[in-house]
């Protein structure tokens, strides 16, 4: 991750633990992608699944892993 996101619309810092299904994130997939699944485990890890445009990708990372997301409709 860098301070220069691939998708400029992703202007909110967050962590994997704070993500919600439906959030659009910029992590390592390039353009903003929609979170389809979000599963938090007791050991602090979080698994997310995103739509990559031609299928699905997933990531399993500590809940403290930082990423950027677009603003939610309640934040605009």
PDB file of N, CA and C in Angstrom:
ATOM      1  N   UNK A   1       0.827  -1.167   0.000  1.00  0.00           N
ATOM      2  CA  UNK A   1       0.000   0.000   0.000  1.00  0.00           C
ATOM      3  C   UNK A   1       0.873   1.232   0.000  1.00  0.00           C
ATOM      4  N   UNK A   2       0.367   2.237  -0.636  1.00  0.00           N
ATOM      5  CA  UNK A   2       1.082   3.499  -0.668  1.00  0.00           C
ATOM      6  C   UNK A   2       0.129   4.609  -0.314  1.00  0.00           C
ATOM      7  N   UNK A   3       0.658   5.819  -0.196  1.00  0.00           N
ATOM      8  CA  UNK A   3      -0.198   6.975   0.030  1.00  0.00           C
ATOM      9  C   UNK A   3      -0.802   7.473  -1.275  1.00  0.00           C
ATOM     10  N   UNK A   4      -0.519   6.797  -2.379  1.00  0.00           N
ATOM     11  CA  UNK A   4      -1.031   7.170  -3.682  1.00  0.00           C
ATOM     12  C   UNK A   4      -1.903   6.019  -4.194  1.00  0.00           C
ATOM     13  N   UNK A   5      -3.215   6.042  -3.872  1.00  0.00           N
ATOM     14  CA  UNK A   5      -4.061   4.911  -4.255  1.00  0.00           C
ATOM     15  C   UNK A   5      -4.243   4.817  -5.759  1.00  0.00           C
ATOM     16  N   UNK A   6      -4.542   3.613  -6.235  1.00  0.00           N
ATOM     17  CA  UNK A   6      -4.831   3.424  -7.649  1.00  0.00           C
ATOM     18  C   UNK A   6      -6.105   4.156  -8.026  1.00  0.00           C
ATOM     19  N   UNK A   7      -7.069   4.192  -7.139  1.00  0.00           N
ATOM     20  CA  UNK A   7      -8.359   4.807  -7.401  1.00  0.00           C
ATOM     21  C   UNK A   7      -8.515   6.008  -6.477  1.00  0.00           C
ATOM     22  N   UNK A   8      -8.531   7.204  -7.044  1.00  0.00           N
ATOM     23  CA  UNK A   8      -8.588   8.429  -6.247  1.00  0.00           C
ATOM     24  C   UNK A   8      -9.866   8.547  -5.424  1.00  0.00           C
ATOM     25  N   UNK A   9     -10.917   7.827  -5.798  1.00  0.00           N
ATOM     26  CA  UNK A   9     -12.160   7.868  -5.027  1.00  0.00           C
ATOM     27  C   UNK A   9     -11.997   7.220  -3.658  1.00  0.00           C
ATOM     28  N   UNK A  10     -10.979   6.394  -3.500  1.00  0.00           N
ATOM     29  CA  UNK A  10     -10.722   5.725  -2.223  1.00  0.00           C
ATOM     30  C   UNK A  10      -9.907   6.666  -1.343  1.00  0.00           C
ATOM     31  N   UNK A  11     -10.611   7.539  -0.641  1.00  0.00           N
ATOM     32  CA  UNK A  11      -9.934   8.585   0.112  1.00  0.00           C
ATOM     33  C   UNK A  11     -10.100   8.467   1.623  1.00  0.00           C
ATOM     34  N   UNK A  12     -10.611   7.343   2.088  1.00  0.00           N
ATOM     35  CA  UNK A  12     -10.794   7.123   3.526  1.00  0.00           C
ATOM     36  C   UNK A  12      -9.908   5.981   3.996  1.00  0.00           C
ATOM     37  N   UNK A  13      -9.001   6.257   4.951  1.00  0.00           N
ATOM     38  CA  UNK A  13      -8.205   5.174   5.535  1.00  0.00           C
ATOM     39  C   UNK A  13      -9.097   4.363   6.451  1.00  0.00           C
ATOM     40  N   UNK A  14      -8.919   3.065   6.429  1.00  0.00           N
ATOM     41  CA  UNK A  14      -9.657   2.157   7.303  1.00  0.00           C
ATOM     42  C   UNK A  14      -8.802   0.913   7.523  1.00  0.00           C
ATOM     43  N   UNK A  15      -9.300  -0.026   8.289  1.00  0.00           N
ATOM     44  CA  UNK A  15      -8.616  -1.301   8.485  1.00  0.00           C
ATOM     45  C   UNK A  15      -9.517  -2.420   7.975  1.00  0.00           C
ATOM     46  N   UNK A  16      -8.938  -3.580   7.768  1.00  0.00           N
ATOM     47  CA  UNK A  16      -9.730  -4.727   7.336  1.00  0.00           C
ATOM     48  C   UNK A  16     -10.862  -4.993   8.327  1.00  0.00           C
ATOM     49  N   UNK A  17     -10.591  -4.848   9.634  1.00  0.00           N
ATOM     50  CA  UNK A  17     -11.603  -5.122  10.654  1.00  0.00           C
ATOM     51  C   UNK A  17     -12.794  -4.174  10.541  1.00  0.00           C
ATOM     52  N   UNK A  18     -12.571  -2.954  10.069  1.00  0.00           N
ATOM     53  CA  UNK A  18     -13.640  -1.952   9.979  1.00  0.00           C
ATOM     54  C   UNK A  18     -14.417  -2.010   8.664  1.00  0.00           C
ATOM     55  N   UNK A  19     -13.950  -2.804   7.709  1.00  0.00           N
ATOM     56  CA  UNK A  19     -14.656  -2.901   6.425  1.00  0.00           C
ATOM     57  C   UNK A  19     -16.024  -3.533   6.603  1.00  0.00           C
ATOM     58  N   UNK A  20     -16.917  -3.219   5.665  1.00  0.00           N
ATOM     59  CA  UNK A  20     -18.252  -3.811   5.643  1.00  0.00           C
ATOM     60  C   UNK A  20     -18.527  -4.350   4.251  1.00  0.00           C
ATOM     61  N   UNK A  21     -19.412  -5.323   4.152  1.00  0.00           N
ATOM     62  CA  UNK A  21     -19.860  -5.799   2.846  1.00  0.00           C
ATOM     63  C   UNK A  21     -20.465  -4.603   2.120  1.00  0.00           C
ATOM     64  N   UNK A  22     -20.095  -4.432   0.863  1.00  0.00           N
ATOM     65  CA  UNK A  22     -20.585  -3.313   0.063  1.00  0.00           C
ATOM     66  C   UNK A  22     -19.598  -2.171  -0.046  1.00  0.00           C
ATOM     67  N   UNK A  23     -18.612  -2.106   0.875  1.00  0.00           N
ATOM     68  CA  UNK A  23     -17.580  -1.068   0.769  1.00  0.00           C
ATOM     69  C   UNK A  23     -16.798  -1.265  -0.523  1.00  0.00           C
ATOM     70  N   UNK A  24     -16.382  -0.166  -1.125  1.00  0.00           N
ATOM     71  CA  UNK A  24     -15.498  -0.231  -2.294  1.00  0.00           C
ATOM     72  C   UNK A  24     -14.108   0.132  -1.808  1.00  0.00           C
ATOM     73  N   UNK A  25     -13.150  -0.784  -2.033  1.00  0.00           N
ATOM     74  CA  UNK A  25     -11.804  -0.591  -1.501  1.00  0.00           C
ATOM     75  C   UNK A  25     -10.747  -0.575  -2.596  1.00  0.00           C
ATOM     76  N   UNK A  26      -9.626   0.030  -2.258  1.00  0.00           N
ATOM     77  CA  UNK A  26      -8.435   0.029  -3.103  1.00  0.00           C
ATOM     78  C   UNK A  26      -7.345  -0.629  -2.278  1.00  0.00           C
ATOM     79  N   UNK A  27      -7.045  -1.878  -2.562  1.00  0.00           N
ATOM     80  CA  UNK A  27      -5.983  -2.548  -1.809  1.00  0.00           C
ATOM     81  C   UNK A  27      -4.876  -2.910  -2.768  1.00  0.00           C
ATOM     82  N   UNK A  28      -4.873  -4.048  -3.367  1.00  0.00           N
ATOM     83  CA  UNK A  28      -3.852  -4.334  -4.376  1.00  0.00           C
ATOM     84  C   UNK A  28      -4.472  -4.760  -5.701  1.00  0.00           C
ATOM     85  N   UNK A  29      -5.764  -4.564  -5.848  1.00  0.00           N
ATOM     86  CA  UNK A  29      -6.439  -4.992  -7.066  1.00  0.00           C
ATOM     87  C   UNK A  29      -6.529  -3.892  -8.116  1.00  0.00           C
ATOM     88  N   UNK A  30      -6.000  -2.708  -7.866  1.00  0.00           N
ATOM     89  CA  UNK A  30      -6.094  -1.628  -8.837  1.00  0.00           C
ATOM     90  C   UNK A  30      -7.312  -0.771  -8.579  1.00  0.00           C
ATOM     91  N   UNK A  31      -8.250  -0.691  -9.547  1.00  0.00           N
ATOM     92  CA  UNK A  31      -9.432   0.147  -9.347  1.00  0.00           C
ATOM     93  C   UNK A  31     -10.252  -0.328  -8.148  1.00  0.00           C
ATOM     94  N   UNK A  32     -11.074   0.556  -7.620  1.00  0.00           N
ATOM     95  CA  UNK A  32     -11.901   0.219  -6.462  1.00  0.00           C
ATOM     96  C   UNK A  32     -12.723  -1.028  -6.736  1.00  0.00           C
ATOM     97  N   UNK A  33     -12.766  -1.908  -5.763  1.00  0.00           N
ATOM     98  CA  UNK A  33     -13.506  -3.171  -5.870  1.00  0.00           C
ATOM     99  C   UNK A  33     -14.466  -3.289  -4.704  1.00  0.00           C
ATOM    100  N   UNK A  34     -15.607  -3.929  -4.934  1.00  0.00           N
ATOM    101  CA  UNK A  34     -16.639  -4.074  -3.914  1.00  0.00           C
ATOM    102  C   UNK A  34     -16.369  -5.290  -3.036  1.00  0.00           C
ATOM    103  N   UNK A  35     -16.455  -5.091  -1.719  1.00  0.00           N
ATOM    104  CA  UNK A  35     -16.322  -6.189  -0.765  1.00  0.00           C
ATOM    105  C   UNK A  35     -17.616  -7.000  -0.794  1.00  0.00           C
ATOM    106  N   UNK A  36     -17.501  -8.277  -1.156  1.00  0.00           N
ATOM    107  CA  UNK A  36     -18.658  -9.167  -1.245  1.00  0.00           C
ATOM    108  C   UNK A  36     -18.866  -9.973   0.033  1.00  0.00           C
ATOM    109  N   UNK A  37     -17.765 -10.309   0.697  1.00  0.00           N
ATOM    110  CA  UNK A  37     -17.820 -11.082   1.942  1.00  0.00           C
ATOM    111  C   UNK A  37     -16.800 -10.509   2.915  1.00  0.00           C
ATOM    112  N   UNK A  38     -17.120 -10.565   4.189  1.00  0.00           N
ATOM    113  CA  UNK A  38     -16.229 -10.087   5.248  1.00  0.00           C
ATOM    114  C   UNK A  38     -16.390 -11.042   6.422  1.00  0.00           C
ATOM    115  N   UNK A  39     -15.312 -11.725   6.795  1.00  0.00           N
ATOM    116  CA  UNK A  39     -15.363 -12.679   7.893  1.00  0.00           C
ATOM    117  C   UNK A  39     -14.242 -12.368   8.876  1.00  0.00           C
ATOM    118  N   UNK A  40     -14.607 -12.098  10.121  1.00  0.00           N
ATOM    119  CA  UNK A  40     -13.623 -11.849  11.170  1.00  0.00           C
ATOM    120  C   UNK A  40     -13.456 -13.123  11.994  1.00  0.00           C
ATOM    121  N   UNK A  41     -12.217 -13.471  12.292  1.00  0.00           N
ATOM    122  CA  UNK A  41     -11.913 -14.668  13.075  1.00  0.00           C
ATOM    123  C   UNK A  41     -11.471 -14.287  14.481  1.00  0.00           C
ATOM    124  N   UNK A  42     -11.604 -15.219  15.408  1.00  0.00           N
ATOM    125  CA  UNK A  42     -11.288 -14.980  16.824  1.00  0.00           C
ATOM    126  C   UNK A  42      -9.832 -14.580  17.040  1.00  0.00           C
ATOM    127  N   UNK A  43      -8.932 -15.016  16.153  1.00  0.00           N
ATOM    128  CA  UNK A  43      -7.515 -14.695  16.330  1.00  0.00           C
ATOM    129  C   UNK A  43      -7.137 -13.315  15.777  1.00  0.00           C
ATOM    130  N   UNK A  44      -8.132 -12.536  15.313  1.00  0.00           N
ATOM    131  CA  UNK A  44      -7.874 -11.178  14.840  1.00  0.00           C
ATOM    132  C   UNK A  44      -7.713 -11.040  13.335  1.00  0.00           C
ATOM    133  N   UNK A  45      -7.652 -12.170  12.630  1.00  0.00           N
ATOM    134  CA  UNK A  45      -7.539 -12.092  11.174  1.00  0.00           C
ATOM    135  C   UNK A  45      -8.899 -11.809  10.555  1.00  0.00           C
ATOM    136  N   UNK A  46      -8.869 -11.220   9.369  1.00  0.00           N
ATOM    137  CA  UNK A  46     -10.091 -10.927   8.628  1.00  0.00           C
ATOM    138  C   UNK A  46      -9.912 -11.439   7.213  1.00  0.00           C
ATOM    139  N   UNK A  47     -10.941 -12.090   6.703  1.00  0.00           N
ATOM    140  CA  UNK A  47     -10.940 -12.561   5.317  1.00  0.00           C
ATOM    141  C   UNK A  47     -11.960 -11.741   4.561  1.00  0.00           C
ATOM    142  N   UNK A  48     -11.534 -11.150   3.439  1.00  0.00           N
ATOM    143  CA  UNK A  48     -12.466 -10.430   2.587  1.00  0.00           C
ATOM    144  C   UNK A  48     -12.447 -11.056   1.199  1.00  0.00           C
ATOM    145  N   UNK A  49     -13.574 -10.974   0.531  1.00  0.00           N
ATOM    146  CA  UNK A  49     -13.712 -11.419  -0.853  1.00  0.00           C
ATOM    147  C   UNK A  49     -14.199 -10.218  -1.645  1.00  0.00           C
ATOM    148  N   UNK A  50     -13.562  -9.956  -2.787  1.00  0.00           N
ATOM    149  CA  UNK A  50     -13.961  -8.834  -3.637  1.00  0.00           C
ATOM    150  C   UNK A  50     -14.246  -9.312  -5.050  1.00  0.00           C
ATOM    151  N   UNK A  51     -15.076  -8.553  -5.735  1.00  0.00           N
ATOM    152  CA  UNK A  51     -15.351  -8.769  -7.152  1.00  0.00           C
ATOM    153  C   UNK A  51     -14.203  -8.113  -7.917  1.00  0.00           C
ATOM    154  N   UNK A  52     -13.457  -8.886  -8.700  1.00  0.00           N
ATOM    155  CA  UNK A  52     -12.309  -8.314  -9.414  1.00  0.00           C
ATOM    156  C   UNK A  52     -12.627  -7.957 -10.863  1.00  0.00           C
ATOM    157  N   UNK A  53     -13.887  -8.001 -11.223  1.00  0.00           N
ATOM    158  CA  UNK A  53     -14.279  -7.650 -12.576  1.00  0.00           C
ATOM    159  C   UNK A  53     -14.473  -8.854 -13.485  1.00  0.00           C
ATOM    160  N   UNK A  54     -13.715  -9.924 -13.230  1.00  0.00           N
ATOM    161  CA  UNK A  54     -13.859 -11.149 -14.024  1.00  0.00           C
ATOM    162  C   UNK A  54     -14.051 -12.374 -13.131  1.00  0.00           C
ATOM    163  N   UNK A  55     -14.175 -12.150 -11.859  1.00  0.00           N
ATOM    164  CA  UNK A  55     -14.324 -13.232 -10.897  1.00  0.00           C
ATOM    165  C   UNK A  55     -14.216 -12.667  -9.492  1.00  0.00           C
ATOM    166  N   UNK A  56     -13.575 -13.438  -8.629  1.00  0.00           N
ATOM    167  CA  UNK A  56     -13.414 -13.013  -7.233  1.00  0.00           C
ATOM    168  C   UNK A  56     -11.984 -13.221  -6.782  1.00  0.00           C
ATOM    169  N   UNK A  57     -11.529 -12.325  -5.906  1.00  0.00           N
ATOM    170  CA  UNK A  57     -10.244 -12.458  -5.224  1.00  0.00           C
ATOM    171  C   UNK A  57     -10.524 -12.423  -3.736  1.00  0.00           C
ATOM    172  N   UNK A  58      -9.625 -13.020  -2.955  1.00  0.00           N
ATOM    173  CA  UNK A  58      -9.783 -12.917  -1.512  1.00  0.00           C
ATOM    174  C   UNK A  58      -8.462 -12.553  -0.872  1.00  0.00           C
ATOM    175  N   UNK A  59      -8.559 -12.021   0.322  1.00  0.00           N
ATOM    176  CA  UNK A  59      -7.381 -11.697   1.118  1.00  0.00           C
ATOM    177  C   UNK A  59      -7.661 -12.124   2.546  1.00  0.00           C
ATOM    178  N   UNK A  60      -6.648 -12.648   3.192  1.00  0.00           N
ATOM    179  CA  UNK A  60      -6.706 -13.001   4.599  1.00  0.00           C
ATOM    180  C   UNK A  60      -5.566 -12.242   5.248  1.00  0.00           C
ATOM    181  N   UNK A  61      -5.899 -11.353   6.170  1.00  0.00           N
ATOM    182  CA  UNK A  61      -4.884 -10.476   6.757  1.00  0.00           C
ATOM    183  C   UNK A  61      -5.275 -10.130   8.189  1.00  0.00           C
ATOM    184  N   UNK A  62      -4.308  -9.638   8.969  1.00  0.00           N
ATOM    185  CA  UNK A  62      -4.659  -9.151  10.304  1.00  0.00           C
ATOM    186  C   UNK A  62      -5.710  -8.051  10.188  1.00  0.00           C
ATOM    187  N   UNK A  63      -6.620  -7.979  11.129  1.00  0.00           N
ATOM    188  CA  UNK A  63      -7.659  -6.955  11.116  1.00  0.00           C
ATOM    189  C   UNK A  63      -7.112  -5.540  11.145  1.00  0.00           C
ATOM    190  N   UNK A  64      -5.862  -5.391  11.590  1.00  0.00           N
ATOM    191  CA  UNK A  64      -5.245  -4.069  11.669  1.00  0.00           C
ATOM    192  C   UNK A  64      -4.623  -3.622  10.345  1.00  0.00           C
ATOM    193  N   UNK A  65      -4.654  -4.476   9.324  1.00  0.00           N
ATOM    194  CA  UNK A  65      -4.097  -4.123   8.020  1.00  0.00           C
ATOM    195  C   UNK A  65      -4.851  -2.932   7.454  1.00  0.00           C
ATOM    196  N   UNK A  66      -4.107  -1.893   7.071  1.00  0.00           N
ATOM    197  CA  UNK A  66      -4.738  -0.672   6.565  1.00  0.00           C
ATOM    198  C   UNK A  66      -5.015  -0.771   5.078  1.00  0.00           C
ATOM    199  N   UNK A  67      -6.093  -0.130   4.681  1.00  0.00           N
ATOM    200  CA  UNK A  67      -6.483  -0.012   3.282  1.00  0.00           C
ATOM    201  C   UNK A  67      -7.270   1.276   3.131  1.00  0.00           C
ATOM    202  N   UNK A  68      -7.588   1.620   1.897  1.00  0.00           N
ATOM    203  CA  UNK A  68      -8.418   2.801   1.640  1.00  0.00           C
ATOM    204  C   UNK A  68      -9.744   2.346   1.060  1.00  0.00           C
ATOM    205  N   UNK A  69     -10.779   3.121   1.355  1.00  0.00           N
ATOM    206  CA  UNK A  69     -12.107   2.829   0.823  1.00  0.00           C
ATOM    207  C   UNK A  69     -12.767   4.123   0.380  1.00  0.00           C
ATOM    208  N   UNK A  70     -13.831   3.968  -0.394  1.00  0.00           N
ATOM    209  CA  UNK A  70     -14.612   5.132  -0.779  1.00  0.00           C
ATOM    210  C   UNK A  70     -15.537   5.495   0.385  1.00  0.00           C
ATOM    211  N   UNK A  71     -16.039   6.713   0.369  1.00  0.00           N
ATOM    212  CA  UNK A  71     -16.969   7.152   1.408  1.00  0.00           C
ATOM    213  C   UNK A  71     -18.266   6.358   1.287  1.00  0.00           C
ATOM    214  N   UNK A  72     -18.845   6.040   2.428  1.00  0.00           N
ATOM    215  CA  UNK A  72     -20.164   5.399   2.455  1.00  0.00           C
ATOM    216  C   UNK A  72     -21.217   6.481   2.272  1.00  0.00           C
ATOM    217  N   UNK A  73     -22.390   6.096   1.821  1.00  0.00           N
ATOM    218  CA  UNK A  73     -23.452   7.081   1.559  1.00  0.00           C
ATOM    219  C   UNK A  73     -23.808   7.875   2.818  1.00  0.00           C
ATOM    220  N   UNK A  74     -23.624   7.279   3.985  1.00  0.00           N
ATOM    221  CA  UNK A  74     -23.930   7.978   5.235  1.00  0.00           C
ATOM    222  C   UNK A  74     -22.845   8.986   5.621  1.00  0.00           C
ATOM    223  N   UNK A  75     -21.720   8.977   4.920  1.00  0.00           N
ATOM    224  CA  UNK A  75     -20.599   9.866   5.244  1.00  0.00           C
ATOM    225  C   UNK A  75     -20.495  11.051   4.282  1.00  0.00           C
ATOM    226  N   UNK A  76     -21.285  11.056   3.260  1.00  0.00           N
ATOM    227  CA  UNK A  76     -21.148  12.115   2.244  1.00  0.00           C
ATOM    228  C   UNK A  76     -21.901  13.359   2.622  1.00  0.00           C
TER     229      UNK A  76
END
